[in-house]
Amino acid sequence: MLSLNPKFLEGPTVDDVVASGDLDEATGRIFRFGSESLRFHRHQAQSIAKAQAGQSYVVTTGAGSGKSLCFFVPVVDAIVRARKAGRPRRTSAIFVIR
């Protein structure tokens, strides 16, 4: 029997990413477990930072690595920031998941 259990590098918490300015504080309140701040893997935090900087990125990691959060968190953050800025409800995102 062969079993792989990849260990992804630990990254900052949601609170840390909010403090860095890569996420709005309202987004930080969304990604919590009760009073506990979600802890990202390093590749997730890097993806969020790239999205906030307006850079394109591709995420290629193994199953169960949280790739979805690499894309969903920045989209939610864009929606939150647009609402706070009074911009019309119009967020576009294209996800290609294979």
PDB file of N, CA and C in Angstrom:
ATOM      1  N   MET A   1       0.840  -1.172   0.000  1.00  0.00           N
ATOM      2  CA  MET A   1       0.000   0.000   0.000  1.00  0.00           C
ATOM      3  C   MET A   1       0.887   1.238   0.000  1.00  0.00           C
ATOM      4  N   LEU A   2       0.544   2.175  -0.831  1.00  0.00           N
ATOM      5  CA  LEU A   2       1.255   3.443  -0.910  1.00  0.00           C
ATOM      6  C   LEU A   2       0.290   4.539  -0.505  1.00  0.00           C
ATOM      7  N   SER A   3       0.707   5.367   0.408  1.00  0.00           N
ATOM      8  CA  SER A   3      -0.155   6.453   0.875  1.00  0.00           C
ATOM      9  C   SER A   3       0.646   7.743   0.911  1.00  0.00           C
ATOM     10  N   LEU A   4       0.099   8.752   0.300  1.00  0.00           N
ATOM     11  CA  LEU A   4       0.746  10.057   0.320  1.00  0.00           C
ATOM     12  C   LEU A   4      -0.086  11.004   1.158  1.00  0.00           C
ATOM     13  N   ASN A   5       0.560  11.700   2.022  1.00  0.00           N
ATOM     14  CA  ASN A   5      -0.118  12.684   2.852  1.00  0.00           C
ATOM     15  C   ASN A   5       0.705  13.961   2.783  1.00  0.00           C
ATOM     16  N   PRO A   6       0.479  14.750   1.736  1.00  0.00           N
ATOM     17  CA  PRO A   6       1.302  15.951   1.590  1.00  0.00           C
ATOM     18  C   PRO A   6       1.065  16.944   2.722  1.00  0.00           C
ATOM     19  N   LYS A   7       2.130  17.581   3.136  1.00  0.00           N
ATOM     20  CA  LYS A   7       2.019  18.622   4.154  1.00  0.00           C
ATOM     21  C   LYS A   7       2.332  19.938   3.471  1.00  0.00           C
ATOM     22  N   PHE A   8       1.328  20.776   3.351  1.00  0.00           N
ATOM     23  CA  PHE A   8       1.497  22.059   2.687  1.00  0.00           C
ATOM     24  C   PHE A   8       2.052  23.065   3.702  1.00  0.00           C
ATOM     25  N   LEU A   9       2.913  23.943   3.237  1.00  0.00           N
ATOM     26  CA  LEU A   9       3.548  24.900   4.120  1.00  0.00           C
ATOM     27  C   LEU A   9       2.514  25.826   4.753  1.00  0.00           C
ATOM     28  N   GLU A  10       2.645  25.998   6.052  1.00  0.00           N
ATOM     29  CA  GLU A  10       1.708  26.839   6.796  1.00  0.00           C
ATOM     30  C   GLU A  10       1.937  28.305   6.446  1.00  0.00           C
ATOM     31  N   GLY A  11       0.842  29.010   6.352  1.00  0.00           N
ATOM     32  CA  GLY A  11       0.912  30.435   6.058  1.00  0.00           C
ATOM     33  C   GLY A  11       0.286  31.249   7.167  1.00  0.00           C
ATOM     34  N   PRO A  12      -0.001  32.496   6.881  1.00  0.00           N
ATOM     35  CA  PRO A  12      -0.571  33.387   7.889  1.00  0.00           C
ATOM     36  C   PRO A  12      -2.046  33.103   8.136  1.00  0.00           C
ATOM     37  N   THR A  13      -2.559  33.678   9.208  1.00  0.00           N
ATOM     38  CA  THR A  13      -3.988  33.591   9.484  1.00  0.00           C
ATOM     39  C   THR A  13      -4.713  34.661   8.671  1.00  0.00           C
ATOM     40  N   VAL A  14      -6.019  34.547   8.620  1.00  0.00           N
ATOM     41  CA  VAL A  14      -6.827  35.568   7.959  1.00  0.00           C
ATOM     42  C   VAL A  14      -6.553  36.926   8.609  1.00  0.00           C
ATOM     43  N   ASP A  15      -6.458  36.959   9.935  1.00  0.00           N
ATOM     44  CA  ASP A  15      -6.188  38.221  10.631  1.00  0.00           C
ATOM     45  C   ASP A  15      -4.857  38.828  10.181  1.00  0.00           C
ATOM     46  N   ASP A  16      -3.852  37.978   9.970  1.00  0.00           N
ATOM     47  CA  ASP A  16      -2.554  38.461   9.493  1.00  0.00           C
ATOM     48  C   ASP A  16      -2.677  39.072   8.097  1.00  0.00           C
ATOM     49  N   VAL A  17      -3.451  38.424   7.236  1.00  0.00           N
ATOM     50  CA  VAL A  17      -3.604  38.899   5.856  1.00  0.00           C
ATOM     51  C   VAL A  17      -4.417  40.199   5.837  1.00  0.00           C
ATOM     52  N   VAL A  18      -5.380  40.325   6.744  1.00  0.00           N
ATOM     53  CA  VAL A  18      -6.115  41.588   6.874  1.00  0.00           C
ATOM     54  C   VAL A  18      -5.150  42.687   7.323  1.00  0.00           C
ATOM     55  N   ALA A  19      -4.305  42.382   8.311  1.00  0.00           N
ATOM     56  CA  ALA A  19      -3.346  43.369   8.823  1.00  0.00           C
ATOM     57  C   ALA A  19      -2.372  43.819   7.735  1.00  0.00           C
ATOM     58  N   SER A  20      -2.051  42.928   6.798  1.00  0.00           N
ATOM     59  CA  SER A  20      -1.117  43.280   5.717  1.00  0.00           C
ATOM     60  C   SER A  20      -1.790  44.151   4.656  1.00  0.00           C
ATOM     61  N   GLY A  21      -3.131  44.202   4.684  1.00  0.00           N
ATOM     62  CA  GLY A  21      -3.868  44.989   3.701  1.00  0.00           C
ATOM     63  C   GLY A  21      -4.299  44.197   2.483  1.00  0.00           C
ATOM     64  N   ASP A  22      -3.938  42.910   2.425  1.00  0.00           N
ATOM     65  CA  ASP A  22      -4.314  42.090   1.274  1.00  0.00           C
ATOM     66  C   ASP A  22      -5.779  41.661   1.310  1.00  0.00           C
ATOM     67  N   LEU A  23      -6.406  41.740   2.488  1.00  0.00           N
ATOM     68  CA  LEU A  23      -7.841  41.480   2.608  1.00  0.00           C
ATOM     69  C   LEU A  23      -8.487  42.595   3.404  1.00  0.00           C
ATOM     70  N   ASP A  24      -9.705  42.929   3.044  1.00  0.00           N
ATOM     71  CA  ASP A  24     -10.485  43.896   3.795  1.00  0.00           C
ATOM     72  C   ASP A  24     -10.914  43.255   5.117  1.00  0.00           C
ATOM     73  N   GLU A  25     -11.088  44.078   6.142  1.00  0.00           N
ATOM     74  CA  GLU A  25     -11.476  43.532   7.451  1.00  0.00           C
ATOM     75  C   GLU A  25     -12.825  42.822   7.404  1.00  0.00           C
ATOM     76  N   ALA A  26     -13.742  43.282   6.547  1.00  0.00           N
ATOM     77  CA  ALA A  26     -15.036  42.600   6.417  1.00  0.00           C
ATOM     78  C   ALA A  26     -14.853  41.213   5.806  1.00  0.00           C
ATOM     79  N   THR A  27     -13.937  41.075   4.872  1.00  0.00           N
ATOM     80  CA  THR A  27     -13.632  39.755   4.307  1.00  0.00           C
ATOM     81  C   THR A  27     -13.046  38.866   5.393  1.00  0.00           C
ATOM     82  N   GLY A  28     -12.214  39.446   6.230  1.00  0.00           N
ATOM     83  CA  GLY A  28     -11.627  38.695   7.340  1.00  0.00           C
ATOM     84  C   GLY A  28     -12.677  38.138   8.284  1.00  0.00           C
ATOM     85  N   ARG A  29     -13.777  38.858   8.452  1.00  0.00           N
ATOM     86  CA  ARG A  29     -14.857  38.365   9.318  1.00  0.00           C
ATOM     87  C   ARG A  29     -15.619  37.212   8.669  1.00  0.00           C
ATOM     88  N   ILE A  30     -15.612  37.164   7.350  1.00  0.00           N
ATOM     89  CA  ILE A  30     -16.315  36.089   6.638  1.00  0.00           C
ATOM     90  C   ILE A  30     -15.561  34.767   6.775  1.00  0.00           C
ATOM     91  N   PHE A  31     -14.234  34.809   6.682  1.00  0.00           N
ATOM     92  CA  PHE A  31     -13.435  33.587   6.682  1.00  0.00           C
ATOM     93  C   PHE A  31     -12.912  33.284   8.084  1.00  0.00           C
ATOM     94  N   ARG A  32     -13.846  32.926   8.945  1.00  0.00           N
ATOM     95  CA  ARG A  32     -13.542  32.576  10.330  1.00  0.00           C
ATOM     96  C   ARG A  32     -14.349  31.334  10.713  1.00  0.00           C
ATOM     97  N   PHE A  33     -13.906  30.687  11.759  1.00  0.00           N
ATOM     98  CA  PHE A  33     -14.664  29.603  12.377  1.00  0.00           C
ATOM     99  C   PHE A  33     -15.035  30.098  13.769  1.00  0.00           C
ATOM    100  N   GLY A  34     -16.198  30.725  13.869  1.00  0.00           N
ATOM    101  CA  GLY A  34     -16.577  31.357  15.134  1.00  0.00           C
ATOM    102  C   GLY A  34     -15.626  32.503  15.408  1.00  0.00           C
ATOM    103  N   SER A  35     -14.954  32.445  16.538  1.00  0.00           N
ATOM    104  CA  SER A  35     -14.003  33.516  16.871  1.00  0.00           C
ATOM    105  C   SER A  35     -12.591  33.198  16.362  1.00  0.00           C
ATOM    106  N   GLU A  36     -12.412  32.014  15.797  1.00  0.00           N
ATOM    107  CA  GLU A  36     -11.078  31.579  15.357  1.00  0.00           C
ATOM    108  C   GLU A  36     -10.815  31.976  13.904  1.00  0.00           C
ATOM    109  N   SER A  37      -9.676  32.572  13.688  1.00  0.00           N
ATOM    110  CA  SER A  37      -9.260  33.004  12.362  1.00  0.00           C
ATOM    111  C   SER A  37      -8.746  31.807  11.560  1.00  0.00           C
ATOM    112  N   LEU A  38      -9.212  31.667  10.333  1.00  0.00           N
ATOM    113  CA  LEU A  38      -8.748  30.613   9.443  1.00  0.00           C
ATOM    114  C   LEU A  38      -7.255  30.789   9.191  1.00  0.00           C
ATOM    115  N   ARG A  39      -6.504  29.700   9.179  1.00  0.00           N
ATOM    116  CA  ARG A  39      -5.090  29.752   8.832  1.00  0.00           C
ATOM    117  C   ARG A  39      -4.942  29.257   7.400  1.00  0.00           C
ATOM    118  N   PHE A  40      -4.311  30.077   6.579  1.00  0.00           N
ATOM    119  CA  PHE A  40      -4.074  29.713   5.192  1.00  0.00           C
ATOM    120  C   PHE A  40      -2.812  28.875   5.065  1.00  0.00           C
ATOM    121  N   HIS A  41      -2.745  28.110   3.965  1.00  0.00           N
ATOM    122  CA  HIS A  41      -1.464  27.534   3.550  1.00  0.00           C
ATOM    123  C   HIS A  41      -0.694  28.671   2.878  1.00  0.00           C
ATOM    124  N   ARG A  42       0.614  28.517   2.797  1.00  0.00           N
ATOM    125  CA  ARG A  42       1.430  29.585   2.213  1.00  0.00           C
ATOM    126  C   ARG A  42       1.018  29.903   0.779  1.00  0.00           C
ATOM    127  N   HIS A  43       0.723  28.859  -0.032  1.00  0.00           N
ATOM    128  CA  HIS A  43       0.353  29.123  -1.425  1.00  0.00           C
ATOM    129  C   HIS A  43      -0.973  29.882  -1.527  1.00  0.00           C
ATOM    130  N   GLN A  44      -1.852  29.700  -0.558  1.00  0.00           N
ATOM    131  CA  GLN A  44      -3.110  30.445  -0.561  1.00  0.00           C
ATOM    132  C   GLN A  44      -2.862  31.925  -0.281  1.00  0.00           C
ATOM    133  N   ALA A  45      -2.043  32.219   0.713  1.00  0.00           N
ATOM    134  CA  ALA A  45      -1.734  33.613   1.041  1.00  0.00           C
ATOM    135  C   ALA A  45      -0.999  34.295  -0.110  1.00  0.00           C
ATOM    136  N   GLN A  46      -0.106  33.565  -0.769  1.00  0.00           N
ATOM    137  CA  GLN A  46       0.609  34.133  -1.917  1.00  0.00           C
ATOM    138  C   GLN A  46      -0.371  34.452  -3.044  1.00  0.00           C
ATOM    139  N   SER A  47      -1.345  33.590  -3.267  1.00  0.00           N
ATOM    140  CA  SER A  47      -2.349  33.817  -4.306  1.00  0.00           C
ATOM    141  C   SER A  47      -3.188  35.049  -3.990  1.00  0.00           C
ATOM    142  N   ILE A  48      -3.576  35.191  -2.741  1.00  0.00           N
ATOM    143  CA  ILE A  48      -4.377  36.340  -2.327  1.00  0.00           C
ATOM    144  C   ILE A  48      -3.595  37.633  -2.535  1.00  0.00           C
ATOM    145  N   ALA A  49      -2.314  37.617  -2.190  1.00  0.00           N
ATOM    146  CA  ALA A  49      -1.470  38.808  -2.373  1.00  0.00           C
ATOM    147  C   ALA A  49      -1.339  39.161  -3.851  1.00  0.00           C
ATOM    148  N   LYS A  50      -1.172  38.154  -4.705  1.00  0.00           N
ATOM    149  CA  LYS A  50      -1.071  38.413  -6.149  1.00  0.00           C
ATOM    150  C   LYS A  50      -2.377  38.992  -6.681  1.00  0.00           C
ATOM    151  N   ALA A  51      -3.494  38.439  -6.240  1.00  0.00           N
ATOM    152  CA  ALA A  51      -4.793  38.952  -6.688  1.00  0.00           C
ATOM    153  C   ALA A  51      -4.964  40.406  -6.264  1.00  0.00           C
ATOM    154  N   GLN A  52      -4.614  40.716  -5.031  1.00  0.00           N
ATOM    155  CA  GLN A  52      -4.748  42.089  -4.528  1.00  0.00           C
ATOM    156  C   GLN A  52      -3.859  43.052  -5.320  1.00  0.00           C
ATOM    157  N   ALA A  53      -2.711  42.560  -5.797  1.00  0.00           N
ATOM    158  CA  ALA A  53      -1.794  43.395  -6.583  1.00  0.00           C
ATOM    159  C   ALA A  53      -2.204  43.467  -8.051  1.00  0.00           C
ATOM    160  N   GLY A  54      -3.291  42.765  -8.402  1.00  0.00           N
ATOM    161  CA  GLY A  54      -3.775  42.784  -9.781  1.00  0.00           C
ATOM    162  C   GLY A  54      -2.951  41.924 -10.722  1.00  0.00           C
ATOM    163  N   GLN A  55      -2.220  40.974 -10.175  1.00  0.00           N
ATOM    164  CA  GLN A  55      -1.383  40.088 -10.984  1.00  0.00           C
ATOM    165  C   GLN A  55      -2.133  38.806 -11.326  1.00  0.00           C
ATOM    166  N   SER A  56      -1.826  38.241 -12.467  1.00  0.00           N
ATOM    167  CA  SER A  56      -2.375  36.941 -12.841  1.00  0.00           C
ATOM    168  C   SER A  56      -1.582  35.851 -12.126  1.00  0.00           C
ATOM    169  N   TYR A  57      -2.224  34.722 -11.898  1.00  0.00           N
ATOM    170  CA  TYR A  57      -1.516  33.610 -11.264  1.00  0.00           C
ATOM    171  C   TYR A  57      -2.206  32.294 -11.593  1.00  0.00           C
ATOM    172  N   VAL A  58      -1.431  31.238 -11.510  1.00  0.00           N
ATOM    173  CA  VAL A  58      -1.915  29.877 -11.718  1.00  0.00           C
ATOM    174  C   VAL A  58      -1.503  29.081 -10.485  1.00  0.00           C
ATOM    175  N   VAL A  59      -2.401  28.266  -9.971  1.00  0.00           N
ATOM    176  CA  VAL A  59      -2.104  27.451  -8.800  1.00  0.00           C
ATOM    177  C   VAL A  59      -2.114  25.991  -9.220  1.00  0.00           C
ATOM    178  N   THR A  60      -1.009  25.309  -8.994  1.00  0.00           N
ATOM    179  CA  THR A  60      -0.916  23.878  -9.299  1.00  0.00           C
ATOM    180  C   THR A  60      -0.382  23.175  -8.054  1.00  0.00           C
ATOM    181  N   THR A  61      -1.286  22.632  -7.281  1.00  0.00           N
ATOM    182  CA  THR A  61      -0.918  21.870  -6.095  1.00  0.00           C
ATOM    183  C   THR A  61      -1.768  20.611  -6.059  1.00  0.00           C
ATOM    184  N   GLY A  62      -1.448  19.739  -5.151  1.00  0.00           N
ATOM    185  CA  GLY A  62      -2.139  18.467  -5.067  1.00  0.00           C
ATOM    186  C   GLY A  62      -3.563  18.578  -4.551  1.00  0.00           C
ATOM    187  N   ALA A  63      -4.246  17.451  -4.632  1.00  0.00           N
ATOM    188  CA  ALA A  63      -5.622  17.373  -4.142  1.00  0.00           C
ATOM    189  C   ALA A  63      -5.663  17.692  -2.656  1.00  0.00           C
ATOM    190  N   GLY A  64      -6.685  18.413  -2.257  1.00  0.00           N
ATOM    191  CA  GLY A  64      -6.864  18.733  -0.850  1.00  0.00           C
ATOM    192  C   GLY A  64      -5.998  19.867  -0.357  1.00  0.00           C
ATOM    193  N   SER A  65      -5.405  20.615  -1.275  1.00  0.00           N
ATOM    194  CA  SER A  65      -4.493  21.691  -0.876  1.00  0.00           C
ATOM    195  C   SER A  65      -5.198  23.025  -0.672  1.00  0.00           C
ATOM    196  N   GLY A  66      -6.484  23.082  -0.981  1.00  0.00           N
ATOM    197  CA  GLY A  66      -7.218  24.330  -0.807  1.00  0.00           C
ATOM    198  C   GLY A  66      -7.089  25.282  -1.982  1.00  0.00           C
ATOM    199  N   LYS A  67      -6.957  24.719  -3.186  1.00  0.00           N
ATOM    200  CA  LYS A  67      -6.839  25.577  -4.384  1.00  0.00           C
ATOM    201  C   LYS A  67      -8.052  26.490  -4.537  1.00  0.00           C
ATOM    202  N   SER A  68      -9.219  26.000  -4.202  1.00  0.00           N
ATOM    203  CA  SER A  68     -10.433  26.807  -4.363  1.00  0.00           C
ATOM    204  C   SER A  68     -10.346  28.111  -3.591  1.00  0.00           C
ATOM    205  N   LEU A  69      -9.797  28.068  -2.374  1.00  0.00           N
ATOM    206  CA  LEU A  69      -9.675  29.288  -1.586  1.00  0.00           C
ATOM    207  C   LEU A  69      -8.722  30.287  -2.231  1.00  0.00           C
ATOM    208  N   CYS A  70      -7.779  29.799  -3.030  1.00  0.00           N
ATOM    209  CA  CYS A  70      -6.845  30.693  -3.731  1.00  0.00           C
ATOM    210  C   CYS A  70      -7.595  31.639  -4.661  1.00  0.00           C
ATOM    211  N   PHE A  71      -8.761  31.231  -5.094  1.00  0.00           N
ATOM    212  CA  PHE A  71      -9.540  32.025  -6.040  1.00  0.00           C
ATOM    213  C   PHE A  71     -10.801  32.611  -5.406  1.00  0.00           C
ATOM    214  N   PHE A  72     -11.488  31.839  -4.565  1.00  0.00           N
ATOM    215  CA  PHE A  72     -12.734  32.315  -3.982  1.00  0.00           C
ATOM    216  C   PHE A  72     -12.519  33.466  -3.002  1.00  0.00           C
ATOM    217  N   VAL A  73     -11.463  33.394  -2.194  1.00  0.00           N
ATOM    218  CA  VAL A  73     -11.218  34.461  -1.218  1.00  0.00           C
ATOM    219  C   VAL A  73     -10.999  35.807  -1.915  1.00  0.00           C
ATOM    220  N   PRO A  74     -10.141  35.884  -2.959  1.00  0.00           N
ATOM    221  CA  PRO A  74      -9.994  37.173  -3.642  1.00  0.00           C
ATOM    222  C   PRO A  74     -11.277  37.675  -4.315  1.00  0.00           C
ATOM    223  N   VAL A  75     -12.104  36.768  -4.822  1.00  0.00           N
ATOM    224  CA  VAL A  75     -13.368  37.187  -5.440  1.00  0.00           C
ATOM    225  C   VAL A  75     -14.297  37.770  -4.374  1.00  0.00           C
ATOM    226  N   VAL A  76     -14.413  37.097  -3.239  1.00  0.00           N
ATOM    227  CA  VAL A  76     -15.245  37.615  -2.145  1.00  0.00           C
ATOM    228  C   VAL A  76     -14.705  38.967  -1.686  1.00  0.00           C
ATOM    229  N   ASP A  77     -13.384  39.081  -1.584  1.00  0.00           N
ATOM    230  CA  ASP A  77     -12.780  40.348  -1.160  1.00  0.00           C
ATOM    231  C   ASP A  77     -13.084  41.461  -2.162  1.00  0.00           C
ATOM    232  N   ALA A  78     -13.038  41.150  -3.444  1.00  0.00           N
ATOM    233  CA  ALA A  78     -13.357  42.157  -4.474  1.00  0.00           C
ATOM    234  C   ALA A  78     -14.805  42.617  -4.343  1.00  0.00           C
ATOM    235  N   ILE A  79     -15.696  41.690  -4.052  1.00  0.00           N
ATOM    236  CA  ILE A  79     -17.113  42.041  -3.869  1.00  0.00           C
ATOM    237  C   ILE A  79     -17.285  42.936  -2.646  1.00  0.00           C
ATOM    238  N   VAL A  80     -16.641  42.562  -1.543  1.00  0.00           N
ATOM    239  CA  VAL A  80     -16.730  43.348  -0.313  1.00  0.00           C
ATOM    240  C   VAL A  80     -16.208  44.764  -0.539  1.00  0.00           C
ATOM    241  N   ARG A  81     -15.056  44.874  -1.174  1.00  0.00           N
ATOM    242  CA  ARG A  81     -14.458  46.202  -1.405  1.00  0.00           C
ATOM    243  C   ARG A  81     -15.317  47.046  -2.357  1.00  0.00           C
ATOM    244  N   ALA A  82     -15.886  46.404  -3.368  1.00  0.00           N
ATOM    245  CA  ALA A  82     -16.743  47.134  -4.308  1.00  0.00           C
ATOM    246  C   ALA A  82     -17.982  47.665  -3.599  1.00  0.00           C
ATOM    247  N   ARG A  83     -18.579  46.851  -2.757  1.00  0.00           N
ATOM    248  CA  ARG A  83     -19.773  47.287  -2.011  1.00  0.00           C
ATOM    249  C   ARG A  83     -19.449  48.454  -1.096  1.00  0.00           C
ATOM    250  N   LYS A  84     -18.302  48.361  -0.399  1.00  0.00           N
ATOM    251  CA  LYS A  84     -17.905  49.446   0.501  1.00  0.00           C
ATOM    252  C   LYS A  84     -17.644  50.739  -0.260  1.00  0.00           C
ATOM    253  N   ALA A  85     -17.152  50.614  -1.487  1.00  0.00           N
ATOM    254  CA  ALA A  85     -16.846  51.789  -2.300  1.00  0.00           C
ATOM    255  C   ALA A  85     -18.081  52.329  -3.012  1.00  0.00           C
ATOM    256  N   GLY A  86     -19.216  51.625  -2.858  1.00  0.00           N
ATOM    257  CA  GLY A  86     -20.458  52.083  -3.480  1.00  0.00           C
ATOM    258  C   GLY A  86     -20.520  51.800  -4.973  1.00  0.00           C
ATOM    259  N   ARG A  87     -19.658  50.916  -5.454  1.00  0.00           N
ATOM    260  CA  ARG A  87     -19.685  50.577  -6.875  1.00  0.00           C
ATOM    261  C   ARG A  87     -20.859  49.643  -7.144  1.00  0.00           C
ATOM    262  N   PRO A  88     -21.338  49.636  -8.399  1.00  0.00           N
ATOM    263  CA  PRO A  88     -22.465  48.757  -8.737  1.00  0.00           C
ATOM    264  C   PRO A  88     -22.120  47.283  -8.521  1.00  0.00           C
ATOM    265  N   ARG A  89     -23.142  46.485  -8.304  1.00  0.00           N
ATOM    266  CA  ARG A  89     -22.954  45.031  -8.128  1.00  0.00           C
ATOM    267  C   ARG A  89     -22.568  44.420  -9.457  1.00  0.00           C
ATOM    268  N   ARG A  90     -21.275  44.229  -9.636  1.00  0.00           N
ATOM    269  CA  ARG A  90     -20.812  43.703 -10.922  1.00  0.00           C
ATOM    270  C   ARG A  90     -19.401  43.129 -10.749  1.00  0.00           C
ATOM    271  N   THR A  91     -19.325  41.938 -10.265  1.00  0.00           N
ATOM    272  CA  THR A  91     -18.045  41.257 -10.139  1.00  0.00           C
ATOM    273  C   THR A  91     -18.017  40.111 -11.118  1.00  0.00           C
ATOM    274  N   SER A  92     -16.957  40.040 -11.904  1.00  0.00           N
ATOM    275  CA  SER A  92     -16.824  38.960 -12.877  1.00  0.00           C
ATOM    276  C   SER A  92     -15.636  38.079 -12.500  1.00  0.00           C
ATOM    277  N   ALA A  93     -15.834  36.798 -12.586  1.00  0.00           N
ATOM    278  CA  ALA A  93     -14.755  35.851 -12.308  1.00  0.00           C
ATOM    279  C   ALA A  93     -14.936  34.639 -13.207  1.00  0.00           C
ATOM    280  N   ILE A  94     -13.843  34.147 -13.727  1.00  0.00           N
ATOM    281  CA  ILE A  94     -13.864  32.923 -14.540  1.00  0.00           C
ATOM    282  C   ILE A  94     -12.975  31.910 -13.830  1.00  0.00           C
ATOM    283  N   PHE A  95     -13.537  30.759 -13.505  1.00  0.00           N
ATOM    284  CA  PHE A  95     -12.797  29.688 -12.853  1.00  0.00           C
ATOM    285  C   PHE A  95     -12.679  28.535 -13.830  1.00  0.00           C
ATOM    286  N   VAL A  96     -11.472  28.081 -14.074  1.00  0.00           N
ATOM    287  CA  VAL A  96     -11.236  26.897 -14.895  1.00  0.00           C
ATOM    288  C   VAL A  96     -10.651  25.859 -13.951  1.00  0.00           C
ATOM    289  N   ILE A  97     -11.464  24.892 -13.571  1.00  0.00           N
ATOM    290  CA  ILE A  97     -11.035  23.869 -12.624  1.00  0.00           C
ATOM    291  C   ILE A  97     -11.003  22.537 -13.354  1.00  0.00           C
ATOM    292  N   ARG A  98      -9.884  21.934 -13.270  1.00  0.00           N
ATOM    293  CA  ARG A  98      -9.712  20.680 -13.979  1.00  0.00           C
ATOM    294  C   ARG A  98      -9.301  19.599 -13.041  1.00  0.00           C
TER     295      ARG A  98
END
